[in-house]
Amino acid sequence: MRKHEIFLPLEGLIDVETERKRLEKELDKVMRDFDQSMRKLQNEDFLGIAKKDVVEGERVRFEALGGTKEKIEGNLEVLG
């Protein structure tokens, strides 16, 4: 499956400052979730007690949050 990204000029279509604030708020939430997931995966008690599928699910969640974090940071960079 191929992924494509399309870039459109947004000037005049959206309020850049409002979008920047929305992305910053979303990034804050993603960062909290990312940090919480990372702490779980670094916690030996969690790794020792939790079932393998739960640990694997947390690893998948951690990776997905990392991808989301990078995408939001890239979007913020584009907005300046």
N, C-alpha and C. Protein backbone atom coordinates (compact mmCIF):
# COMPACT_ATOMS: atom_id res chain seq x y z
N MET A 1 0.84 -1.18 0.00
CA MET A 1 0.00 0.00 0.00
C MET A 1 0.88 1.24 0.00
N ARG A 2 0.62 2.11 -0.89
CA ARG A 2 1.40 3.35 -0.98
C ARG A 2 0.70 4.46 -0.22
N LYS A 3 1.52 5.27 0.39
CA LYS A 3 0.99 6.44 1.09
C LYS A 3 1.42 7.67 0.30
N HIS A 4 0.49 8.55 0.13
CA HIS A 4 0.76 9.79 -0.58
C HIS A 4 0.36 10.96 0.31
N GLU A 5 1.11 12.01 0.19
CA GLU A 5 0.75 13.24 0.90
C GLU A 5 0.58 14.32 -0.15
N ILE A 6 -0.45 15.11 0.02
CA ILE A 6 -0.72 16.21 -0.89
C ILE A 6 -0.62 17.49 -0.09
N PHE A 7 0.10 18.45 -0.64
CA PHE A 7 0.26 19.74 0.00
C PHE A 7 -0.52 20.79 -0.77
N LEU A 8 -1.35 21.51 -0.05
CA LEU A 8 -2.15 22.56 -0.65
C LEU A 8 -1.82 23.88 0.03
N PRO A 9 -1.80 24.97 -0.72
CA PRO A 9 -1.61 26.26 -0.05
C PRO A 9 -2.81 26.56 0.83
N LEU A 10 -2.56 26.84 2.09
CA LEU A 10 -3.63 27.03 3.05
C LEU A 10 -3.96 28.50 3.31
N GLU A 11 -3.11 29.36 2.84
CA GLU A 11 -3.32 30.78 3.08
C GLU A 11 -4.67 31.20 2.53
N GLY A 12 -5.45 31.82 3.35
CA GLY A 12 -6.78 32.26 2.95
C GLY A 12 -7.85 31.21 3.17
N LEU A 13 -7.47 29.95 3.35
CA LEU A 13 -8.44 28.88 3.56
C LEU A 13 -8.68 28.60 5.03
N ILE A 14 -7.64 28.75 5.83
CA ILE A 14 -7.75 28.50 7.27
C ILE A 14 -7.09 29.64 8.02
N ASP A 15 -7.46 29.77 9.27
CA ASP A 15 -6.80 30.71 10.16
C ASP A 15 -5.57 30.00 10.70
N VAL A 16 -4.41 30.40 10.24
CA VAL A 16 -3.16 29.70 10.57
C VAL A 16 -2.92 29.70 12.08
N GLU A 17 -3.19 30.80 12.73
CA GLU A 17 -2.95 30.87 14.19
C GLU A 17 -3.87 29.92 14.95
N THR A 18 -5.12 29.84 14.53
CA THR A 18 -6.07 28.93 15.16
C THR A 18 -5.64 27.48 14.94
N GLU A 19 -5.21 27.18 13.74
CA GLU A 19 -4.75 25.82 13.44
C GLU A 19 -3.49 25.48 14.23
N ARG A 20 -2.58 26.43 14.36
CA ARG A 20 -1.36 26.22 15.15
C ARG A 20 -1.73 25.91 16.60
N LYS A 21 -2.65 26.67 17.17
CA LYS A 21 -3.07 26.44 18.56
C LYS A 21 -3.72 25.06 18.70
N ARG A 22 -4.55 24.67 17.73
CA ARG A 22 -5.19 23.36 17.77
C ARG A 22 -4.15 22.24 17.73
N LEU A 23 -3.17 22.40 16.84
CA LEU A 23 -2.12 21.39 16.73
C LEU A 23 -1.27 21.33 18.00
N GLU A 24 -0.97 22.47 18.60
CA GLU A 24 -0.20 22.49 19.84
C GLU A 24 -0.96 21.79 20.97
N LYS A 25 -2.27 22.00 21.03
CA LYS A 25 -3.09 21.33 22.04
C LYS A 25 -3.10 19.82 21.79
N GLU A 26 -3.25 19.43 20.53
CA GLU A 26 -3.23 18.01 20.19
C GLU A 26 -1.87 17.39 20.50
N LEU A 27 -0.80 18.12 20.21
CA LEU A 27 0.54 17.63 20.49
C LEU A 27 0.75 17.44 21.99
N ASP A 28 0.24 18.34 22.80
CA ASP A 28 0.35 18.20 24.26
C ASP A 28 -0.30 16.90 24.72
N LYS A 29 -1.48 16.59 24.20
CA LYS A 29 -2.17 15.35 24.59
C LYS A 29 -1.39 14.13 24.11
N VAL A 30 -0.92 14.17 22.88
CA VAL A 30 -0.15 13.04 22.33
C VAL A 30 1.13 12.84 23.14
N MET A 31 1.77 13.92 23.52
CA MET A 31 3.01 13.81 24.31
C MET A 31 2.74 13.19 25.68
N ARG A 32 1.63 13.57 26.31
CA ARG A 32 1.27 12.96 27.61
C ARG A 32 1.06 11.47 27.45
N ASP A 33 0.30 11.09 26.42
CA ASP A 33 0.04 9.67 26.17
C ASP A 33 1.33 8.93 25.81
N PHE A 34 2.18 9.56 25.00
CA PHE A 34 3.46 8.99 24.59
C PHE A 34 4.34 8.74 25.80
N ASP A 35 4.43 9.73 26.67
CA ASP A 35 5.25 9.60 27.88
C ASP A 35 4.71 8.52 28.82
N GLN A 36 3.38 8.46 28.95
CA GLN A 36 2.76 7.44 29.81
C GLN A 36 3.05 6.05 29.25
N SER A 37 2.94 5.89 27.96
CA SER A 37 3.20 4.60 27.33
C SER A 37 4.67 4.22 27.49
N MET A 38 5.56 5.18 27.33
CA MET A 38 6.99 4.92 27.48
C MET A 38 7.31 4.48 28.91
N ARG A 39 6.68 5.14 29.90
CA ARG A 39 6.91 4.75 31.30
C ARG A 39 6.44 3.33 31.54
N LYS A 40 5.30 2.95 30.97
CA LYS A 40 4.82 1.58 31.12
C LYS A 40 5.83 0.59 30.56
N LEU A 41 6.32 0.89 29.37
CA LEU A 41 7.24 -0.04 28.70
C LEU A 41 8.61 -0.08 29.38
N GLN A 42 8.93 0.91 30.19
CA GLN A 42 10.19 0.92 30.93
C GLN A 42 10.02 0.34 32.34
N ASN A 43 8.77 0.06 32.72
CA ASN A 43 8.47 -0.43 34.06
C ASN A 43 8.60 -1.95 34.08
N GLU A 44 9.58 -2.44 34.80
CA GLU A 44 9.83 -3.89 34.88
C GLU A 44 8.65 -4.64 35.48
N ASP A 45 7.96 -4.02 36.43
CA ASP A 45 6.78 -4.67 37.03
C ASP A 45 5.70 -4.89 35.98
N PHE A 46 5.44 -3.85 35.18
CA PHE A 46 4.44 -3.97 34.10
C PHE A 46 4.83 -5.07 33.12
N LEU A 47 6.09 -5.06 32.71
CA LEU A 47 6.55 -6.04 31.73
C LEU A 47 6.50 -7.46 32.30
N GLY A 48 6.72 -7.60 33.60
CA GLY A 48 6.72 -8.92 34.21
C GLY A 48 5.33 -9.46 34.53
N ILE A 49 4.40 -8.56 34.82
CA ILE A 49 3.07 -8.99 35.25
C ILE A 49 2.07 -9.05 34.08
N ALA A 50 2.14 -8.08 33.18
CA ALA A 50 1.15 -7.99 32.10
C ALA A 50 1.29 -9.16 31.12
N LYS A 51 0.16 -9.54 30.55
CA LYS A 51 0.17 -10.58 29.53
C LYS A 51 0.91 -10.08 28.30
N LYS A 52 1.47 -11.04 27.54
CA LYS A 52 2.26 -10.67 26.37
C LYS A 52 1.48 -9.83 25.37
N ASP A 53 0.21 -10.14 25.17
CA ASP A 53 -0.58 -9.38 24.20
C ASP A 53 -0.83 -7.95 24.68
N VAL A 54 -0.92 -7.76 25.99
CA VAL A 54 -1.10 -6.41 26.54
C VAL A 54 0.18 -5.60 26.33
N VAL A 55 1.33 -6.22 26.59
CA VAL A 55 2.61 -5.54 26.40
C VAL A 55 2.80 -5.21 24.92
N GLU A 56 2.48 -6.17 24.05
CA GLU A 56 2.62 -5.93 22.62
C GLU A 56 1.68 -4.82 22.16
N GLY A 57 0.47 -4.80 22.71
CA GLY A 57 -0.47 -3.72 22.40
C GLY A 57 0.06 -2.37 22.81
N GLU A 58 0.72 -2.33 23.96
CA GLU A 58 1.31 -1.07 24.43
C GLU A 58 2.47 -0.65 23.54
N ARG A 59 3.24 -1.61 23.05
CA ARG A 59 4.33 -1.28 22.12
C ARG A 59 3.78 -0.71 20.81
N VAL A 60 2.72 -1.32 20.32
CA VAL A 60 2.08 -0.82 19.09
C VAL A 60 1.54 0.59 19.32
N ARG A 61 0.91 0.80 20.46
CA ARG A 61 0.37 2.13 20.82
C ARG A 61 1.50 3.16 20.90
N PHE A 62 2.60 2.77 21.53
CA PHE A 62 3.76 3.66 21.66
C PHE A 62 4.29 4.07 20.29
N GLU A 63 4.43 3.10 19.39
CA GLU A 63 4.93 3.40 18.05
C GLU A 63 3.96 4.30 17.29
N ALA A 64 2.66 4.03 17.41
CA ALA A 64 1.66 4.85 16.73
C ALA A 64 1.69 6.29 17.26
N LEU A 65 1.80 6.42 18.58
CA LEU A 65 1.88 7.76 19.17
C LEU A 65 3.13 8.49 18.70
N GLY A 66 4.23 7.77 18.56
CA GLY A 66 5.46 8.38 18.05
C GLY A 66 5.27 8.90 16.64
N GLY A 67 4.59 8.13 15.80
CA GLY A 67 4.32 8.57 14.44
C GLY A 67 3.41 9.78 14.41
N THR A 68 2.39 9.77 15.25
CA THR A 68 1.47 10.91 15.33
C THR A 68 2.21 12.15 15.81
N LYS A 69 3.07 11.96 16.80
CA LYS A 69 3.86 13.08 17.35
C LYS A 69 4.71 13.71 16.25
N GLU A 70 5.39 12.88 15.48
CA GLU A 70 6.25 13.39 14.41
C GLU A 70 5.43 14.12 13.35
N LYS A 71 4.27 13.59 13.02
CA LYS A 71 3.44 14.21 12.00
C LYS A 71 2.95 15.59 12.46
N ILE A 72 2.49 15.67 13.71
CA ILE A 72 2.02 16.96 14.24
C ILE A 72 3.17 17.96 14.29
N GLU A 73 4.33 17.50 14.75
CA GLU A 73 5.49 18.41 14.81
C GLU A 73 5.85 18.90 13.39
N GLY A 74 5.75 18.02 12.41
CA GLY A 74 6.01 18.44 11.03
C GLY A 74 5.00 19.44 10.55
N ASN A 75 3.73 19.23 10.89
CA ASN A 75 2.68 20.18 10.49
C ASN A 75 2.89 21.53 11.15
N LEU A 76 3.29 21.52 12.42
CA LEU A 76 3.57 22.78 13.10
C LEU A 76 4.75 23.50 12.46
N GLU A 77 5.74 22.74 12.04
CA GLU A 77 6.90 23.34 11.38
C GLU A 77 6.49 24.00 10.07
N VAL A 78 5.63 23.34 9.33
CA VAL A 78 5.15 23.90 8.05
C VAL A 78 4.39 25.20 8.29
N LEU A 79 3.60 25.22 9.35
CA LEU A 79 2.82 26.43 9.65
C LEU A 79 3.70 27.57 10.15
N GLY A 80 4.93 27.23 10.54
CA GLY A 80 5.85 28.27 10.99
C GLY A 80 5.66 28.55 12.42
